Amino acid sequence: MLGLQELFDEQIKELFRPNKLGVRILENELEKIGFFITKKQRTVFESQFSNIENDTLTFEFSDDQLNKAGFSSEEELKPKLEKIIKGLSSKVDKFANGIDETMQNLVESITDAMAQSVLCTLEQRMQQFSI
């Protein structure tokens, strides 16, 4: 059980590293305006979030991404990106503050489901061995 807990802790730590969390929230906000980033762009954003010393992010979108999202130019997109960036910090804080409750609820629901499954299995086995 200890090995499973350590694996769980490692995965949680990896998933909620500030740079990964920031990128996930940014990606979600971009999708709301029709932008779907590539794996390469995600990696670039993660790197930028890891080294965010001067509070800037650089965005490079292809013409195809602009067109699919319904924008004719980067200038048209700029105000929406600025709005996303301004709200990013509060969204990360809000998520981070709610993560403890979310994880507690998740663990409780998994534990309840596992307990019910074990109980059903034990009841079935008891019936098989009853005379």
C-alpha atoms as a PDB file:
ATOM      1  CA  MET A   1       0.000   0.000   0.000  1.00  0.00           C
ATOM      2  CA  LEU A   2       2.892   2.319   0.773  1.00  0.00           C
ATOM      3  CA  GLY A   3       4.224   2.018  -2.792  1.00  0.00           C
ATOM      4  CA  LEU A   4       0.797   2.888  -4.171  1.00  0.00           C
ATOM      5  CA  GLN A   5       0.624   5.991  -1.947  1.00  0.00           C
ATOM      6  CA  GLU A   6       4.075   7.094  -3.067  1.00  0.00           C
ATOM      7  CA  LEU A   7       3.099   6.644  -6.719  1.00  0.00           C
ATOM      8  CA  PHE A   8      -0.115   8.594  -6.138  1.00  0.00           C
ATOM      9  CA  ASP A   9       1.810  11.397  -4.395  1.00  0.00           C
ATOM     10  CA  GLU A  10       4.329  11.596  -7.259  1.00  0.00           C
ATOM     11  CA  GLN A  11       1.576  11.801  -9.875  1.00  0.00           C
ATOM     12  CA  ILE A  12      -0.279  14.515  -7.958  1.00  0.00           C
ATOM     13  CA  LYS A  13       2.930  16.483  -7.507  1.00  0.00           C
ATOM     14  CA  GLU A  14       3.671  16.226 -11.253  1.00  0.00           C
ATOM     15  CA  LEU A  15       0.142  17.116 -12.362  1.00  0.00           C
ATOM     16  CA  PHE A  16      -0.097  20.141 -10.116  1.00  0.00           C
ATOM     17  CA  ARG A  17       3.334  21.652 -10.660  1.00  0.00           C
ATOM     18  CA  PRO A  18       2.784  25.402 -11.095  1.00  0.00           C
ATOM     19  CA  ASN A  19       3.937  25.441 -14.716  1.00  0.00           C
ATOM     20  CA  LYS A  20       1.690  22.514 -15.701  1.00  0.00           C
ATOM     21  CA  LEU A  21      -1.265  23.870 -13.765  1.00  0.00           C
ATOM     22  CA  GLY A  22      -0.851  27.324 -15.285  1.00  0.00           C
ATOM     23  CA  VAL A  23      -0.689  25.893 -18.792  1.00  0.00           C
ATOM     24  CA  ARG A  24      -3.775  23.732 -18.244  1.00  0.00           C
ATOM     25  CA  ILE A  25      -5.760  26.737 -17.093  1.00  0.00           C
ATOM     26  CA  LEU A  26      -4.402  28.856 -19.959  1.00  0.00           C
ATOM     27  CA  GLU A  27      -5.242  26.112 -22.440  1.00  0.00           C
ATOM     28  CA  ASN A  28      -8.772  25.901 -21.075  1.00  0.00           C
ATOM     29  CA  GLU A  29      -9.231  29.665 -21.425  1.00  0.00           C
ATOM     30  CA  LEU A  30      -7.854  29.622 -24.984  1.00  0.00           C
ATOM     31  CA  GLU A  31     -10.246  26.820 -25.922  1.00  0.00           C
ATOM     32  CA  LYS A  32     -13.139  29.016 -24.758  1.00  0.00           C
ATOM     33  CA  ILE A  33     -12.270  31.460 -27.541  1.00  0.00           C
ATOM     34  CA  GLY A  34     -11.688  28.736 -30.113  1.00  0.00           C
ATOM     35  CA  PHE A  35      -7.934  28.164 -29.855  1.00  0.00           C
ATOM     36  CA  PHE A  36      -6.606  24.645 -29.516  1.00  0.00           C
ATOM     37  CA  ILE A  37      -2.882  24.576 -28.854  1.00  0.00           C
ATOM     38  CA  THR A  38      -0.505  21.954 -30.166  1.00  0.00           C
ATOM     39  CA  LYS A  39       1.707  19.688 -28.053  1.00  0.00           C
ATOM     40  CA  LYS A  40       4.694  21.798 -29.071  1.00  0.00           C
ATOM     41  CA  GLN A  41       2.937  25.003 -27.983  1.00  0.00           C
ATOM     42  CA  ARG A  42       2.000  23.366 -24.661  1.00  0.00           C
ATOM     43  CA  THR A  43       5.665  22.494 -24.100  1.00  0.00           C
ATOM     44  CA  VAL A  44       6.712  26.069 -24.922  1.00  0.00           C
ATOM     45  CA  PHE A  45       4.121  27.458 -22.510  1.00  0.00           C
ATOM     46  CA  GLU A  46       5.267  25.064 -19.763  1.00  0.00           C
ATOM     47  CA  SER A  47       8.822  26.267 -20.276  1.00  0.00           C
ATOM     48  CA  GLN A  48       7.703  29.894 -20.147  1.00  0.00           C
ATOM     49  CA  PHE A  49       5.727  29.282 -16.955  1.00  0.00           C
ATOM     50  CA  SER A  50       8.755  27.557 -15.390  1.00  0.00           C
ATOM     51  CA  ASN A  51      10.966  30.549 -16.125  1.00  0.00           C
ATOM     52  CA  ILE A  52       8.465  33.361 -15.716  1.00  0.00           C
ATOM     53  CA  GLU A  53      10.765  35.974 -14.236  1.00  0.00           C
ATOM     54  CA  ASN A  54       9.593  39.104 -16.038  1.00  0.00           C
ATOM     55  CA  ASP A  55       5.861  38.287 -15.967  1.00  0.00           C
ATOM     56  CA  THR A  56       5.547  37.882 -19.726  1.00  0.00           C
ATOM     57  CA  LEU A  57       4.259  35.138 -21.963  1.00  0.00           C
ATOM     58  CA  THR A  58       4.938  34.906 -25.671  1.00  0.00           C
ATOM     59  CA  PHE A  59       2.187  33.643 -27.933  1.00  0.00           C
ATOM     60  CA  GLU A  60       2.837  32.318 -31.421  1.00  0.00           C
ATOM     61  CA  PHE A  61      -0.181  31.031 -33.266  1.00  0.00           C
ATOM     62  CA  SER A  62      -0.345  29.838 -36.841  1.00  0.00           C
ATOM     63  CA  ASP A  63      -2.569  31.478 -39.426  1.00  0.00           C
ATOM     64  CA  ASP A  64      -4.569  28.251 -39.466  1.00  0.00           C
ATOM     65  CA  GLN A  65      -5.195  28.507 -35.711  1.00  0.00           C
ATOM     66  CA  LEU A  66      -6.270  32.141 -36.099  1.00  0.00           C
ATOM     67  CA  ASN A  67      -8.652  31.278 -38.913  1.00  0.00           C
ATOM     68  CA  LYS A  68     -10.169  28.279 -37.138  1.00  0.00           C
ATOM     69  CA  ALA A  69     -10.821  30.434 -34.067  1.00  0.00           C
ATOM     70  CA  GLY A  70     -12.503  33.078 -36.219  1.00  0.00           C
ATOM     71  CA  PHE A  71      -9.849  35.787 -36.029  1.00  0.00           C
ATOM     72  CA  SER A  72      -8.519  37.561 -39.083  1.00  0.00           C
ATOM     73  CA  SER A  73      -5.343  38.863 -37.434  1.00  0.00           C
ATOM     74  CA  GLU A  74      -3.241  38.731 -34.293  1.00  0.00           C
ATOM     75  CA  GLU A  75      -4.256  42.335 -33.556  1.00  0.00           C
ATOM     76  CA  GLU A  76      -7.883  41.253 -33.400  1.00  0.00           C
ATOM     77  CA  LEU A  77      -6.919  38.531 -30.936  1.00  0.00           C
ATOM     78  CA  LYS A  78      -4.724  40.707 -28.709  1.00  0.00           C
ATOM     79  CA  PRO A  79      -7.493  42.163 -26.442  1.00  0.00           C
ATOM     80  CA  LYS A  80      -8.849  38.677 -25.726  1.00  0.00           C
ATOM     81  CA  LEU A  81      -5.362  37.389 -24.845  1.00  0.00           C
ATOM     82  CA  GLU A  82      -4.805  40.348 -22.531  1.00  0.00           C
ATOM     83  CA  LYS A  83      -8.087  39.588 -20.752  1.00  0.00           C
ATOM     84  CA  ILE A  84      -7.097  35.926 -20.380  1.00  0.00           C
ATOM     85  CA  ILE A  85      -3.685  36.837 -18.979  1.00  0.00           C
ATOM     86  CA  LYS A  86      -5.138  39.346 -16.497  1.00  0.00           C
ATOM     87  CA  GLY A  87      -7.494  36.696 -15.118  1.00  0.00           C
ATOM     88  CA  LEU A  88      -4.987  33.847 -15.163  1.00  0.00           C
ATOM     89  CA  SER A  89      -3.454  34.487 -11.748  1.00  0.00           C
ATOM     90  CA  SER A  90      -6.819  34.567  -9.985  1.00  0.00           C
ATOM     91  CA  LYS A  91      -7.924  31.371 -11.757  1.00  0.00           C
ATOM     92  CA  VAL A  92      -4.739  29.562 -10.683  1.00  0.00           C
ATOM     93  CA  ASP A  93      -5.237  30.790  -7.103  1.00  0.00           C
ATOM     94  CA  LYS A  94      -8.886  29.746  -7.107  1.00  0.00           C
ATOM     95  CA  PHE A  95      -7.994  26.283  -8.398  1.00  0.00           C
ATOM     96  CA  ALA A  96      -5.124  25.882  -5.912  1.00  0.00           C
ATOM     97  CA  ASN A  97      -7.369  26.889  -3.004  1.00  0.00           C
ATOM     98  CA  GLY A  98     -10.031  24.375  -4.031  1.00  0.00           C
ATOM     99  CA  ILE A  99      -7.689  21.472  -4.739  1.00  0.00           C
ATOM    100  CA  ASP A 100      -7.625  20.168  -1.159  1.00  0.00           C
ATOM    101  CA  GLU A 101     -11.403  19.866  -1.037  1.00  0.00           C
ATOM    102  CA  THR A 102     -11.501  18.352  -4.516  1.00  0.00           C
ATOM    103  CA  MET A 103      -8.885  15.736  -3.642  1.00  0.00           C
ATOM    104  CA  GLN A 104     -10.639  14.900  -0.365  1.00  0.00           C
ATOM    105  CA  ASN A 105     -13.936  14.376  -2.194  1.00  0.00           C
ATOM    106  CA  LEU A 106     -12.202  12.274  -4.853  1.00  0.00           C
ATOM    107  CA  VAL A 107     -10.490  10.034  -2.303  1.00  0.00           C
ATOM    108  CA  GLU A 108     -13.720   9.642  -0.331  1.00  0.00           C
ATOM    109  CA  SER A 109     -15.709   8.660  -3.424  1.00  0.00           C
ATOM    110  CA  ILE A 110     -13.056   6.161  -4.537  1.00  0.00           C
ATOM    111  CA  THR A 111     -12.834   4.709  -1.029  1.00  0.00           C
ATOM    112  CA  ASP A 112     -16.617   4.338  -0.830  1.00  0.00           C
ATOM    113  CA  ALA A 113     -16.749   2.618  -4.221  1.00  0.00           C
ATOM    114  CA  MET A 114     -13.908   0.259  -3.300  1.00  0.00           C
ATOM    115  CA  ALA A 115     -15.523  -0.603   0.044  1.00  0.00           C
ATOM    116  CA  GLN A 116     -18.820  -1.410  -1.670  1.00  0.00           C
ATOM    117  CA  SER A 117     -17.038  -3.616  -4.207  1.00  0.00           C
ATOM    118  CA  VAL A 118     -15.133  -5.507  -1.508  1.00  0.00           C
ATOM    119  CA  LEU A 119     -18.335  -5.985   0.491  1.00  0.00           C
ATOM    120  CA  CYS A 120     -20.159  -7.441  -2.535  1.00  0.00           C
ATOM    121  CA  THR A 121     -17.274  -9.808  -3.270  1.00  0.00           C
ATOM    122  CA  LEU A 122     -17.138 -10.998   0.347  1.00  0.00           C
ATOM    123  CA  GLU A 123     -20.907 -11.556   0.418  1.00  0.00           C
ATOM    124  CA  GLN A 124     -20.723 -13.616  -2.796  1.00  0.00           C
ATOM    125  CA  ARG A 125     -17.885 -15.754  -1.421  1.00  0.00           C
ATOM    126  CA  MET A 126     -19.714 -16.302   1.852  1.00  0.00           C
ATOM    127  CA  GLN A 127     -22.753 -17.557  -0.063  1.00  0.00           C
ATOM    128  CA  GLN A 128     -20.589 -19.991  -2.041  1.00  0.00           C
ATOM    129  CA  PHE A 129     -19.166 -21.530   1.137  1.00  0.00           C
ATOM    130  CA  SER A 130     -22.383 -21.672   3.161  1.00  0.00           C
ATOM    131  CA  ILE A 131     -23.826 -25.118   3.635  1.00  0.00           C
END
